[in-house]
Amino acid sequence: LCDRMGMASRKIAEKTYDINFVVGKHLQIYDRLYRNSKES
C-alpha cells in the first residue's frame, strides 16, 4: 500500500507541482499587469 500510494504521490507532483509550471504562471501575471498598466 505504501508503494502504490507513493507512486500516486509522484504522479500528482509531476502534474501539479513542477517548478517550471509554477514560475511560468507567475511571469504571466507580471507580464499581464505590466501590459494593463501601459494600456490604462
Full PDB file with SEQRES, HELIX, SHEET, SSBOND, CRYST1, ORIGX, SCALE, CONECT and MASTER records, all heavy atoms in Angstrom:
SEQRES   1 A   40  LEU CYS ASP ARG MET GLY MET ALA SER ARG LYS ILE ALA          
SEQRES   2 A   40  GLU LYS THR TYR ASP ILE ASN PHE VAL VAL GLY LYS HIS          
SEQRES   3 A   40  LEU GLN ILE TYR ASP ARG LEU TYR ARG ASN SER LYS GLU          
SEQRES   4 A   40  SER                                                          
HELIX    1 AA1 CYS A    2  THR A   16  1                                  15    
HELIX    2 AA2 ILE A   19  GLU A   39  1                                  21    
CRYST1    1.000    1.000    1.000  90.00  90.00  90.00 P 1           1          
ORIGX1      1.000000  0.000000  0.000000        0.00000                         
ORIGX2      0.000000  1.000000  0.000000        0.00000                         
ORIGX3      0.000000  0.000000  1.000000        0.00000                         
SCALE1      1.000000  0.000000  0.000000        0.00000                         
SCALE2      0.000000  1.000000  0.000000        0.00000                         
SCALE3      0.000000  0.000000  1.000000        0.00000                         
ATOM      1  N   LEU A   1       0.844  -1.200   0.000  1.00  0.00           N  
ATOM      2  CA  LEU A   1       0.000   0.000   0.000  1.00  0.00           C  
ATOM      3  C   LEU A   1       0.879   1.249   0.000  1.00  0.00           C  
ATOM      4  O   LEU A   1       0.588   2.229  -0.714  1.00  0.00           O  
ATOM      5  CB  LEU A   1      -0.925  -0.008   1.208  1.00  0.00           C  
ATOM      6  CG  LEU A   1      -1.878   1.188   1.354  1.00  0.00           C  
ATOM      7  CD1 LEU A   1      -2.832   1.262   0.168  1.00  0.00           C  
ATOM      8  CD2 LEU A   1      -2.654   1.090   2.670  1.00  0.00           C  
ATOM      9  N   CYS A   2       1.951   1.232   0.781  1.00  0.00           N  
ATOM     10  CA  CYS A   2       2.889   2.364   0.789  1.00  0.00           C  
ATOM     11  C   CYS A   2       3.450   2.605  -0.610  1.00  0.00           C  
ATOM     12  O   CYS A   2       3.544   3.752  -1.066  1.00  0.00           O  
ATOM     13  CB  CYS A   2       4.033   2.094   1.764  1.00  0.00           C  
ATOM     14  SG  CYS A   2       3.578   2.208   3.510  1.00  0.00           S  
ATOM     15  N   ASP A   3       3.819   1.535  -1.298  1.00  0.00           N  
ATOM     16  CA  ASP A   3       4.388   1.666  -2.644  1.00  0.00           C  
ATOM     17  C   ASP A   3       3.376   2.268  -3.619  1.00  0.00           C  
ATOM     18  O   ASP A   3       3.711   3.169  -4.395  1.00  0.00           O  
ATOM     19  CB  ASP A   3       4.847   0.295  -3.160  1.00  0.00           C  
ATOM     20  CG  ASP A   3       6.081  -0.206  -2.430  1.00  0.00           C  
ATOM     21  OD1 ASP A   3       6.823   0.616  -1.870  1.00  0.00           O  
ATOM     22  OD2 ASP A   3       6.295  -1.437  -2.425  1.00  0.00           O  
ATOM     23  N   ARG A   4       2.131   1.761  -3.589  1.00  0.00           N  
ATOM     24  CA  ARG A   4       1.107   2.262  -4.515  1.00  0.00           C  
ATOM     25  C   ARG A   4       0.814   3.738  -4.265  1.00  0.00           C  
ATOM     26  O   ARG A   4       0.743   4.536  -5.197  1.00  0.00           O  
ATOM     27  CB  ARG A   4      -0.188   1.452  -4.371  1.00  0.00           C  
ATOM     28  CG  ARG A   4      -0.122   0.059  -4.939  1.00  0.00           C  
ATOM     29  CD  ARG A   4      -1.522  -0.511  -5.151  1.00  0.00           C  
ATOM     30  NE  ARG A   4      -2.316  -0.529  -3.920  1.00  0.00           N  
ATOM     31  CZ  ARG A   4      -2.290  -1.515  -3.036  1.00  0.00           C  
ATOM     32  NH1 ARG A   4      -1.485  -2.553  -3.215  1.00  0.00           N  
ATOM     33  NH2 ARG A   4      -3.068  -1.469  -1.961  1.00  0.00           N  
ATOM     34  N   MET A   5       0.667   4.081  -3.004  1.00  0.00           N  
ATOM     35  CA  MET A   5       0.352   5.474  -2.679  1.00  0.00           C  
ATOM     36  C   MET A   5       1.549   6.385  -2.952  1.00  0.00           C  
ATOM     37  O   MET A   5       1.372   7.531  -3.374  1.00  0.00           O  
ATOM     38  CB  MET A   5      -0.085   5.582  -1.220  1.00  0.00           C  
ATOM     39  CG  MET A   5      -1.468   5.025  -0.955  1.00  0.00           C  
ATOM     40  SD  MET A   5      -2.058   5.390   0.719  1.00  0.00           S  
ATOM     41  CE  MET A   5      -3.810   5.003   0.532  1.00  0.00           C  
ATOM     42  N   GLY A   6       2.753   5.894  -2.736  1.00  0.00           N  
ATOM     43  CA  GLY A   6       3.946   6.691  -3.029  1.00  0.00           C  
ATOM     44  C   GLY A   6       4.060   7.016  -4.503  1.00  0.00           C  
ATOM     45  O   GLY A   6       4.377   8.153  -4.884  1.00  0.00           O  
ATOM     46  N   MET A   7       3.792   6.038  -5.362  1.00  0.00           N  
ATOM     47  CA  MET A   7       3.839   6.292  -6.806  1.00  0.00           C  
ATOM     48  C   MET A   7       2.737   7.262  -7.235  1.00  0.00           C  
ATOM     49  O   MET A   7       2.941   8.109  -8.114  1.00  0.00           O  
ATOM     50  CB  MET A   7       3.732   4.975  -7.569  1.00  0.00           C  
ATOM     51  CG  MET A   7       5.007   4.144  -7.522  1.00  0.00           C  
ATOM     52  SD  MET A   7       4.978   2.673  -8.584  1.00  0.00           S  
ATOM     53  CE  MET A   7       4.016   1.558  -7.560  1.00  0.00           C  
ATOM     54  N   ALA A   8       1.569   7.170  -6.596  1.00  0.00           N  
ATOM     55  CA  ALA A   8       0.483   8.108  -6.897  1.00  0.00           C  
ATOM     56  C   ALA A   8       0.868   9.530  -6.492  1.00  0.00           C  
ATOM     57  O   ALA A   8       0.552  10.501  -7.199  1.00  0.00           O  
ATOM     58  CB  ALA A   8      -0.793   7.682  -6.169  1.00  0.00           C  
ATOM     59  N   SER A   9       1.581   9.671  -5.360  1.00  0.00           N  
ATOM     60  CA  SER A   9       2.055  10.996  -4.939  1.00  0.00           C  
ATOM     61  C   SER A   9       2.980  11.598  -5.990  1.00  0.00           C  
ATOM     62  O   SER A   9       2.885  12.788  -6.311  1.00  0.00           O  
ATOM     63  CB  SER A   9       2.797  10.892  -3.595  1.00  0.00           C  
ATOM     64  OG  SER A   9       1.907  10.698  -2.523  1.00  0.00           O  
ATOM     65  N   ARG A  10       3.893  10.794  -6.519  1.00  0.00           N  
ATOM     66  CA  ARG A  10       4.821  11.280  -7.532  1.00  0.00           C  
ATOM     67  C   ARG A  10       4.073  11.758  -8.782  1.00  0.00           C  
ATOM     68  O   ARG A  10       4.410  12.801  -9.356  1.00  0.00           O  
ATOM     69  CB  ARG A  10       5.825  10.193  -7.903  1.00  0.00           C  
ATOM     70  CG  ARG A  10       6.760  10.550  -9.057  1.00  0.00           C  
ATOM     71  CD  ARG A  10       7.683  11.705  -8.710  1.00  0.00           C  
ATOM     72  NE  ARG A  10       8.456  12.135  -9.886  1.00  0.00           N  
ATOM     73  CZ  ARG A  10       9.465  12.986  -9.848  1.00  0.00           C  
ATOM     74  NH1 ARG A  10       9.835  13.523  -8.706  1.00  0.00           N  
ATOM     75  NH2 ARG A  10      10.116  13.327 -10.943  1.00  0.00           N  
ATOM     76  N   LYS A  11       3.061  11.029  -9.197  1.00  0.00           N  
ATOM     77  CA  LYS A  11       2.298  11.433 -10.393  1.00  0.00           C  
ATOM     78  C   LYS A  11       1.591  12.764 -10.166  1.00  0.00           C  
ATOM     79  O   LYS A  11       1.517  13.606 -11.067  1.00  0.00           O  
ATOM     80  CB  LYS A  11       1.299  10.337 -10.761  1.00  0.00           C  
ATOM     81  CG  LYS A  11       1.961   9.088 -11.321  1.00  0.00           C  
ATOM     82  CD  LYS A  11       0.939   8.000 -11.633  1.00  0.00           C  
ATOM     83  CE  LYS A  11       1.635   6.748 -12.165  1.00  0.00           C  
ATOM     84  NZ  LYS A  11       0.655   5.649 -12.418  1.00  0.00           N  
ATOM     85  N   ILE A  12       1.060  12.964  -8.959  1.00  0.00           N  
ATOM     86  CA  ILE A  12       0.428  14.247  -8.630  1.00  0.00           C  
ATOM     87  C   ILE A  12       1.455  15.365  -8.683  1.00  0.00           C  
ATOM     88  O   ILE A  12       1.192  16.459  -9.206  1.00  0.00           O  
ATOM     89  CB  ILE A  12      -0.242  14.174  -7.244  1.00  0.00           C  
ATOM     90  CG1 ILE A  12      -1.450  13.247  -7.289  1.00  0.00           C  
ATOM     91  CG2 ILE A  12      -0.647  15.568  -6.757  1.00  0.00           C  
ATOM     92  CD1 ILE A  12      -2.054  12.942  -5.926  1.00  0.00           C  
ATOM     93  N   ALA A  13       2.661  15.110  -8.157  1.00  0.00           N  
ATOM     94  CA  ALA A  13       3.726  16.116  -8.179  1.00  0.00           C  
ATOM     95  C   ALA A  13       4.097  16.500  -9.600  1.00  0.00           C  
ATOM     96  O   ALA A  13       4.279  17.679  -9.914  1.00  0.00           O  
ATOM     97  CB  ALA A  13       4.949  15.595  -7.425  1.00  0.00           C  
ATOM     98  N   GLU A  14       4.206  15.516 -10.474  1.00  0.00           N  
ATOM     99  CA  GLU A  14       4.575  15.786 -11.865  1.00  0.00           C  
ATOM    100  C   GLU A  14       3.511  16.618 -12.576  1.00  0.00           C  
ATOM    101  O   GLU A  14       3.830  17.471 -13.411  1.00  0.00           O  
ATOM    102  CB  GLU A  14       4.783  14.467 -12.602  1.00  0.00           C  
ATOM    103  CG  GLU A  14       6.012  13.698 -12.144  1.00  0.00           C  
ATOM    104  CD  GLU A  14       6.120  12.317 -12.762  1.00  0.00           C  
ATOM    105  OE1 GLU A  14       5.128  11.853 -13.374  1.00  0.00           O  
ATOM    106  OE2 GLU A  14       7.188  11.703 -12.631  1.00  0.00           O  
ATOM    107  N   LYS A  15       2.264  16.406 -12.216  1.00  0.00           N  
ATOM    108  CA  LYS A  15       1.154  17.098 -12.878  1.00  0.00           C  
ATOM    109  C   LYS A  15       0.941  18.510 -12.362  1.00  0.00           C  
ATOM    110  O   LYS A  15       0.571  19.413 -13.116  1.00  0.00           O  
ATOM    111  CB  LYS A  15      -0.132  16.284 -12.683  1.00  0.00           C  
ATOM    112  CG  LYS A  15      -1.360  16.875 -13.343  1.00  0.00           C  
ATOM    113  CD  LYS A  15      -2.573  16.000 -13.105  1.00  0.00           C  
ATOM    114  CE  LYS A  15      -3.832  16.605 -13.731  1.00  0.00           C  
ATOM    115  NZ  LYS A  15      -5.035  15.760 -13.468  1.00  0.00           N  
ATOM    116  N   THR A  16       1.213  18.728 -11.054  1.00  0.00           N  
ATOM    117  CA  THR A  16       0.768  19.970 -10.402  1.00  0.00           C  
ATOM    118  C   THR A  16       1.880  20.835  -9.843  1.00  0.00           C  
ATOM    119  O   THR A  16       1.761  22.065  -9.821  1.00  0.00           O  
ATOM    120  CB  THR A  16      -0.210  19.622  -9.253  1.00  0.00           C  
ATOM    121  OG1 THR A  16      -1.224  18.743  -9.748  1.00  0.00           O  
ATOM    122  CG2 THR A  16      -0.859  20.877  -8.687  1.00  0.00           C  
ATOM    123  N   TYR A  17       2.991  20.234  -9.364  1.00  0.00           N  
ATOM    124  CA  TYR A  17       3.961  20.981  -8.573  1.00  0.00           C  
ATOM    125  C   TYR A  17       5.231  21.361  -9.327  1.00  0.00           C  
ATOM    126  O   TYR A  17       6.129  21.972  -8.726  1.00  0.00           O  
ATOM    127  CB  TYR A  17       4.370  20.166  -7.334  1.00  0.00           C  
ATOM    128  CG  TYR A  17       3.223  19.667  -6.490  1.00  0.00           C  
ATOM    129  CD1 TYR A  17       3.312  18.430  -5.824  1.00  0.00           C  
ATOM    130  CD2 TYR A  17       2.052  20.398  -6.329  1.00  0.00           C  
ATOM    131  CE1 TYR A  17       2.271  17.960  -5.039  1.00  0.00           C  
ATOM    132  CE2 TYR A  17       1.001  19.926  -5.552  1.00  0.00           C  
ATOM    133  CZ  TYR A  17       1.122  18.699  -4.907  1.00  0.00           C  
ATOM    134  OH  TYR A  17       0.090  18.235  -4.140  1.00  0.00           O  
ATOM    135  N   ASP A  18       5.346  21.031 -10.591  1.00  0.00           N  
ATOM    136  CA  ASP A  18       6.569  21.291 -11.361  1.00  0.00           C  
ATOM    137  C   ASP A  18       6.944  22.773 -11.290  1.00  0.00           C  
ATOM    138  O   ASP A  18       6.132  23.651 -11.599  1.00  0.00           O  
ATOM    139  CB  ASP A  18       6.346  20.861 -12.809  1.00  0.00           C  
ATOM    140  CG  ASP A  18       7.601  20.946 -13.656  1.00  0.00           C  
ATOM    141  OD1 ASP A  18       8.633  21.472 -13.177  1.00  0.00           O  
ATOM    142  OD2 ASP A  18       7.562  20.490 -14.812  1.00  0.00           O  
ATOM    143  N   ILE A  19       8.171  23.072 -10.896  1.00  0.00           N  
ATOM    144  CA  ILE A  19       8.622  24.451 -10.742  1.00  0.00           C  
ATOM    145  C   ILE A  19       8.500  25.244 -12.032  1.00  0.00           C  
ATOM    146  O   ILE A  19       8.212  26.450 -12.011  1.00  0.00           O  
ATOM    147  CB  ILE A  19      10.088  24.493 -10.212  1.00  0.00           C  
ATOM    148  CG1 ILE A  19      10.480  25.922  -9.815  1.00  0.00           C  
ATOM    149  CG2 ILE A  19      11.056  23.920 -11.229  1.00  0.00           C  
ATOM    150  CD1 ILE A  19       9.739  26.489  -8.658  1.00  0.00           C  
ATOM    151  N   ASN A  20       8.674  24.591 -13.168  1.00  0.00           N  
ATOM    152  CA  ASN A  20       8.576  25.296 -14.452  1.00  0.00           C  
ATOM    153  C   ASN A  20       7.159  25.814 -14.683  1.00  0.00           C  
ATOM    154  O   ASN A  20       6.962  26.940 -15.164  1.00  0.00           O  
ATOM    155  CB  ASN A  20       8.988  24.362 -15.594  1.00  0.00           C  
ATOM    156  CG  ASN A  20      10.434  23.931 -15.491  1.00  0.00           C  
ATOM    157  OD1 ASN A  20      11.337  24.757 -15.425  1.00  0.00           O  
ATOM    158  ND2 ASN A  20      10.672  22.636 -15.442  1.00  0.00           N  
ATOM    159  N   PHE A  21       6.178  25.022 -14.314  1.00  0.00           N  
ATOM    160  CA  PHE A  21       4.777  25.437 -14.431  1.00  0.00           C  
ATOM    161  C   PHE A  21       4.481  26.588 -13.476  1.00  0.00           C  
ATOM    162  O   PHE A  21       3.872  27.594 -13.847  1.00  0.00           O  
ATOM    163  CB  PHE A  21       3.862  24.246 -14.142  1.00  0.00           C  
ATOM    164  CG  PHE A  21       2.412  24.606 -13.983  1.00  0.00           C  
ATOM    165  CD1 PHE A  21       1.623  24.880 -15.095  1.00  0.00           C  
ATOM    166  CD2 PHE A  21       1.827  24.683 -12.720  1.00  0.00           C  
ATOM    167  CE1 PHE A  21       0.285  25.222 -14.952  1.00  0.00           C  
ATOM    168  CE2 PHE A  21       0.496  25.026 -12.565  1.00  0.00           C  
ATOM    169  CZ  PHE A  21      -0.279  25.297 -13.695  1.00  0.00           C  
ATOM    170  N   VAL A  22       4.918  26.450 -12.221  1.00  0.00           N  
ATOM    171  CA  VAL A  22       4.618  27.452 -11.189  1.00  0.00           C  
ATOM    172  C   VAL A  22       5.262  28.800 -11.531  1.00  0.00           C  
ATOM    173  O   VAL A  22       4.601  29.849 -11.472  1.00  0.00           O  
ATOM    174  CB  VAL A  22       5.087  26.959  -9.806  1.00  0.00           C  
ATOM    175  CG1 VAL A  22       5.019  28.074  -8.769  1.00  0.00           C  
ATOM    176  CG2 VAL A  22       4.244  25.770  -9.358  1.00  0.00           C  
ATOM    177  N   VAL A  23       6.542  28.784 -11.923  1.00  0.00           N  
ATOM    178  CA  VAL A  23       7.223  30.033 -12.271  1.00  0.00           C  
ATOM    179  C   VAL A  23       6.589  30.654 -13.515  1.00  0.00           C  
ATOM    180  O   VAL A  23       6.393  31.878 -13.582  1.00  0.00           O  
ATOM    181  CB  VAL A  23       8.726  29.790 -12.485  1.00  0.00           C  
ATOM    182  CG1 VAL A  23       9.392  31.045 -13.051  1.00  0.00           C  
ATOM    183  CG2 VAL A  23       9.392  29.407 -11.166  1.00  0.00           C  
ATOM    184  N   GLY A  24       6.255  29.822 -14.486  1.00  0.00           N  
ATOM    185  CA  GLY A  24       5.627  30.331 -15.707  1.00  0.00           C  
ATOM    186  C   GLY A  24       4.338  31.081 -15.419  1.00  0.00           C  
ATOM    187  O   GLY A  24       4.068  32.133 -16.013  1.00  0.00           O  
ATOM    188  N   LYS A  25       3.538  30.566 -14.486  1.00  0.00           N  
ATOM    189  CA  LYS A  25       2.294  31.244 -14.115  1.00  0.00           C  
ATOM    190  C   LYS A  25       2.576  32.610 -13.488  1.00  0.00           C  
ATOM    191  O   LYS A  25       1.880  33.600 -13.775  1.00  0.00           O  
ATOM    192  CB  LYS A  25       1.515  30.377 -13.115  1.00  0.00           C  
ATOM    193  CG  LYS A  25       0.920  29.132 -13.719  1.00  0.00           C  
ATOM    194  CD  LYS A  25      -0.355  29.394 -14.487  1.00  0.00           C  
ATOM    195  CE  LYS A  25      -1.502  29.720 -13.588  1.00  0.00           C  
ATOM    196  NZ  LYS A  25      -2.784  29.901 -14.325  1.00  0.00           N  
ATOM    197  N   HIS A  26       3.607  32.696 -12.642  1.00  0.00           N  
ATOM    198  CA  HIS A  26       3.961  33.980 -12.030  1.00  0.00           C  
ATOM    199  C   HIS A  26       4.383  34.994 -13.093  1.00  0.00           C  
ATOM    200  O   HIS A  26       3.950  36.157 -13.065  1.00  0.00           O  
ATOM    201  CB  HIS A  26       5.095  33.794 -11.020  1.00  0.00           C  
ATOM    202  CG  HIS A  26       4.648  33.256  -9.692  1.00  0.00           C  
ATOM    203  ND1 HIS A  26       4.424  31.919  -9.451  1.00  0.00           N  
ATOM    204  CD2 HIS A  26       4.386  33.888  -8.507  1.00  0.00           C  
ATOM    205  CE1 HIS A  26       4.037  31.753  -8.199  1.00  0.00           C  
ATOM    206  NE2 HIS A  26       4.019  32.928  -7.602  1.00  0.00           N  
ATOM    207  N   LEU A  27       5.221  34.580 -14.025  1.00  0.00           N  
ATOM    208  CA  LEU A  27       5.703  35.508 -15.049  1.00  0.00           C  
ATOM    209  C   LEU A  27       4.570  35.986 -15.948  1.00  0.00           C  
ATOM    210  O   LEU A  27       4.566  37.139 -16.389  1.00  0.00           O  
ATOM    211  CB  LEU A  27       6.812  34.851 -15.873  1.00  0.00           C  
ATOM    212  CG  LEU A  27       8.088  34.475 -15.107  1.00  0.00           C  
ATOM    213  CD1 LEU A  27       9.165  33.983 -16.055  1.00  0.00           C  
ATOM    214  CD2 LEU A  27       8.610  35.639 -14.270  1.00  0.00           C  
ATOM    215  N   GLN A  28       3.602  35.117 -16.199  1.00  0.00           N  
ATOM    216  CA  GLN A  28       2.436  35.529 -16.981  1.00  0.00           C  
ATOM    217  C   GLN A  28       1.657  36.636 -16.266  1.00  0.00           C  
ATOM    218  O   GLN A  28       1.180  37.587 -16.903  1.00  0.00           O  
ATOM    219  CB  GLN A  28       1.517  34.329 -17.230  1.00  0.00           C  
ATOM    220  CG  GLN A  28       2.040  33.315 -18.230  1.00  0.00           C  
ATOM    221  CD  GLN A  28       1.169  32.074 -18.303  1.00  0.00           C  
ATOM    222  OE1 GLN A  28       0.030  32.063 -17.831  1.00  0.00           O  
ATOM    223  NE2 GLN A  28       1.701  31.017 -18.889  1.00  0.00           N  
ATOM    224  N   ILE A  29       1.529  36.512 -14.948  1.00  0.00           N  
ATOM    225  CA  ILE A  29       0.813  37.532 -14.168  1.00  0.00           C  
ATOM    226  C   ILE A  29       1.570  38.856 -14.206  1.00  0.00           C  
ATOM    227  O   ILE A  29       0.974  39.924 -14.419  1.00  0.00           O  
ATOM    228  CB  ILE A  29       0.603  37.054 -12.719  1.00  0.00           C  
ATOM    229  CG1 ILE A  29      -0.329  35.838 -12.702  1.00  0.00           C  
ATOM    230  CG2 ILE A  29       0.043  38.169 -11.847  1.00  0.00           C  
ATOM    231  CD1 ILE A  29      -0.369  35.101 -11.368  1.00  0.00           C  
ATOM    232  N   TYR A  30       2.901  38.819 -14.032  1.00  0.00           N  
ATOM    233  CA  TYR A  30       3.701  40.048 -14.105  1.00  0.00           C  
ATOM    234  C   TYR A  30       3.526  40.726 -15.455  1.00  0.00           C  
ATOM    235  O   TYR A  30       3.318  41.948 -15.545  1.00  0.00           O  
ATOM    236  CB  TYR A  30       5.189  39.745 -13.893  1.00  0.00           C  
ATOM    237  CG  TYR A  30       5.582  39.186 -12.544  1.00  0.00           C  
ATOM    238  CD1 TYR A  30       6.820  38.584 -12.363  1.00  0.00           C  
ATOM    239  CD2 TYR A  30       4.740  39.267 -11.437  1.00  0.00           C  
ATOM    240  CE1 TYR A  30       7.218  38.072 -11.133  1.00  0.00           C  
ATOM    241  CE2 TYR A  30       5.116  38.760 -10.206  1.00  0.00           C  
ATOM    242  CZ  TYR A  30       6.358  38.160 -10.060  1.00  0.00           C  
ATOM    243  OH  TYR A  30       6.742  37.656  -8.848  1.00  0.00           O  
ATOM    244  N   ASP A  31       3.637  39.935 -16.527  1.00  0.00           N  
ATOM    245  CA  ASP A  31       3.522  40.494 -17.887  1.00  0.00           C  
ATOM    246  C   ASP A  31       2.142  41.115 -18.108  1.00  0.00           C  
ATOM    247  O   ASP A  31       2.022  42.180 -18.719  1.00  0.00           O  
ATOM    248  CB  ASP A  31       3.776  39.404 -18.927  1.00  0.00           C  
ATOM    249  CG  ASP A  31       5.230  38.963 -18.980  1.00  0.00           C  
ATOM    250  OD1 ASP A  31       6.106  39.741 -18.527  1.00  0.00           O  
ATOM    251  OD2 ASP A  31       5.510  37.849 -19.457  1.00  0.00           O  
ATOM    252  N   ARG A  32       1.128  40.433 -17.625  1.00  0.00           N  
ATOM    253  CA  ARG A  32      -0.232  40.936 -17.804  1.00  0.00           C  
ATOM    254  C   ARG A  32      -0.430  42.261 -17.080  1.00  0.00           C  
ATOM    255  O   ARG A  32      -1.012  43.205 -17.625  1.00  0.00           O  
ATOM    256  CB  ARG A  32      -1.226  39.897 -17.282  1.00  0.00           C  
ATOM    257  CG  ARG A  32      -2.682  40.311 -17.427  1.00  0.00           C  
ATOM    258  CD  ARG A  32      -3.573  39.167 -16.985  1.00  0.00           C  
ATOM    259  NE  ARG A  32      -4.954  39.587 -16.918  1.00  0.00           N  
ATOM    260  CZ  ARG A  32      -5.942  38.799 -16.514  1.00  0.00           C  
ATOM    261  NH1 ARG A  32      -5.681  37.563 -16.147  1.00  0.00           N  
ATOM    262  NH2 ARG A  32      -7.174  39.243 -16.459  1.00  0.00           N  
ATOM    263  N   LEU A  33       0.061  42.362 -15.831  1.00  0.00           N  
ATOM    264  CA  LEU A  33      -0.056  43.611 -15.094  1.00  0.00           C  
ATOM    265  C   LEU A  33       0.700  44.731 -15.787  1.00  0.00           C  
ATOM    266  O   LEU A  33       0.218  45.875 -15.834  1.00  0.00           O  
ATOM    267  CB  LEU A  33       0.474  43.414 -13.669  1.00  0.00           C  
ATOM    268  CG  LEU A  33      -0.431  42.633 -12.711  1.00  0.00           C  
ATOM    269  CD1 LEU A  33       0.326  42.269 -11.435  1.00  0.00           C  
ATOM    270  CD2 LEU A  33      -1.671  43.426 -12.370  1.00  0.00           C  
ATOM    271  N   TYR A  34       1.861  44.415 -16.314  1.00  0.00           N  
ATOM    272  CA  TYR A  34       2.656  45.446 -16.993  1.00  0.00           C  
ATOM    273  C   TYR A  34       1.931  45.940 -18.250  1.00  0.00           C  
ATOM    274  O   TYR A  34       1.867  47.158 -18.501  1.00  0.00           O  
ATOM    275  CB  TYR A  34       4.025  44.889 -17.349  1.00  0.00           C  
ATOM    276  CG  TYR A  34       4.956  45.919 -17.911  1.00  0.00           C  
ATOM    277  CD1 TYR A  34       5.577  46.864 -17.095  1.00  0.00           C  
ATOM    278  CD2 TYR A  34       5.224  45.997 -19.289  1.00  0.00           C  
ATOM    279  CE1 TYR A  34       6.433  47.822 -17.593  1.00  0.00           C  
ATOM    280  CE2 TYR A  34       6.080  46.954 -19.808  1.00  0.00           C  
ATOM    281  CZ  TYR A  34       6.670  47.865 -18.965  1.00  0.00           C  
ATOM    282  OH  TYR A  34       7.500  48.819 -19.480  1.00  0.00           O  
ATOM    283  N   ARG A  35       1.377  45.016 -19.028  1.00  0.00           N  
ATOM    284  CA  ARG A  35       0.640  45.421 -20.246  1.00  0.00           C  
ATOM    285  C   ARG A  35      -0.588  46.255 -19.886  1.00  0.00           C  
ATOM    286  O   ARG A  35      -0.853  47.272 -20.517  1.00  0.00           O  
ATOM    287  CB  ARG A  35       0.214  44.182 -21.032  1.00  0.00           C  
ATOM    288  CG  ARG A  35       1.336  43.454 -21.743  1.00  0.00           C  
ATOM    289  CD  ARG A  35       0.787  42.505 -22.804  1.00  0.00           C  
ATOM    290  NE  ARG A  35      -0.198  41.596 -22.248  1.00  0.00           N  
ATOM    291  CZ  ARG A  35       0.096  40.422 -21.712  1.00  0.00           C  
ATOM    292  NH1 ARG A  35       1.359  40.011 -21.651  1.00  0.00           N  
ATOM    293  NH2 ARG A  35      -0.863  39.629 -21.238  1.00  0.00           N  
ATOM    294  N   ASN A  36      -1.314  45.805 -18.852  1.00  0.00           N  
ATOM    295  CA  ASN A  36      -2.508  46.538 -18.445  1.00  0.00           C  
ATOM    296  C   ASN A  36      -2.185  47.954 -17.994  1.00  0.00           C  
ATOM    297  O   ASN A  36      -2.924  48.909 -18.264  1.00  0.00           O  
ATOM    298  CB  ASN A  36      -3.221  45.812 -17.300  1.00  0.00           C  
ATOM    299  CG  ASN A  36      -3.895  44.525 -17.756  1.00  0.00           C  
ATOM    300  OD1 ASN A  36      -4.006  44.276 -18.960  1.00  0.00           O  
ATOM    301  ND2 ASN A  36      -4.323  43.708 -16.814  1.00  0.00           N  
ATOM    302  N   SER A  37      -1.039  48.129 -17.316  1.00  0.00           N  
ATOM    303  CA  SER A  37      -0.655  49.453 -16.816  1.00  0.00           C  
ATOM    304  C   SER A  37      -0.327  50.392 -17.981  1.00  0.00           C  
ATOM    305  O   SER A  37      -0.561  51.602 -17.891  1.00  0.00           O  
ATOM    306  CB  SER A  37       0.531  49.348 -15.881  1.00  0.00           C  
ATOM    307  OG  SER A  37       1.730  49.023 -16.582  1.00  0.00           O  
ATOM    308  N   LYS A  38       0.200  49.865 -19.071  1.00  0.00           N  
ATOM    309  CA  LYS A  38       0.532  50.698 -20.222  1.00  0.00           C  
ATOM    310  C   LYS A  38      -0.702  51.072 -21.018  1.00  0.00           C  
ATOM    311  O   LYS A  38      -0.766  52.117 -21.663  1.00  0.00           O  
ATOM    312  CB  LYS A  38       1.529  49.964 -21.126  1.00  0.00           C  
ATOM    313  CG  LYS A  38       2.875  49.679 -20.453  1.00  0.00           C  
ATOM    314  CD  LYS A  38       3.921  49.198 -21.431  1.00  0.00           C  
ATOM    315  CE  LYS A  38       4.437  50.309 -22.284  1.00  0.00           C  
ATOM    316  NZ  LYS A  38       5.555  49.909 -23.141  1.00  0.00           N  
ATOM    317  N   GLU A  39      -1.722  50.194 -20.970  1.00  0.00           N  
ATOM    318  CA  GLU A  39      -2.959  50.450 -21.737  1.00  0.00           C  
ATOM    319  C   GLU A  39      -3.888  51.405 -21.014  1.00  0.00           C  
ATOM    320  O   GLU A  39      -4.688  52.087 -21.634  1.00  0.00           O  
ATOM    321  CB  GLU A  39      -3.677  49.125 -21.983  1.00  0.00           C  
ATOM    322  CG  GLU A  39      -2.900  48.196 -22.924  1.00  0.00           C  
ATOM    323  CD  GLU A  39      -3.485  46.782 -22.975  1.00  0.00           C  
ATOM    324  OE1 GLU A  39      -4.505  46.558 -22.262  1.00  0.00           O  
ATOM    325  OE2 GLU A  39      -2.917  45.940 -23.676  1.00  0.00           O  
ATOM    326  N   SER A  40      -3.791  51.435 -19.659  1.00  0.00           N  
ATOM    327  CA  SER A  40      -4.725  52.270 -18.892  1.00  0.00           C  
ATOM    328  C   SER A  40      -4.246  53.724 -18.811  1.00  0.00           C  
ATOM    329  O   SER A  40      -3.133  54.055 -19.123  1.00  0.00           O  
ATOM    330  CB  SER A  40      -4.884  51.719 -17.481  1.00  0.00           C  
ATOM    331  OG  SER A  40      -3.646  51.676 -16.810  1.00  0.00           O  
TER     332      SER A  40                                                      
MASTER        0    0    0    2    0    0    0    6  331    1    0    4          
END                                                                             
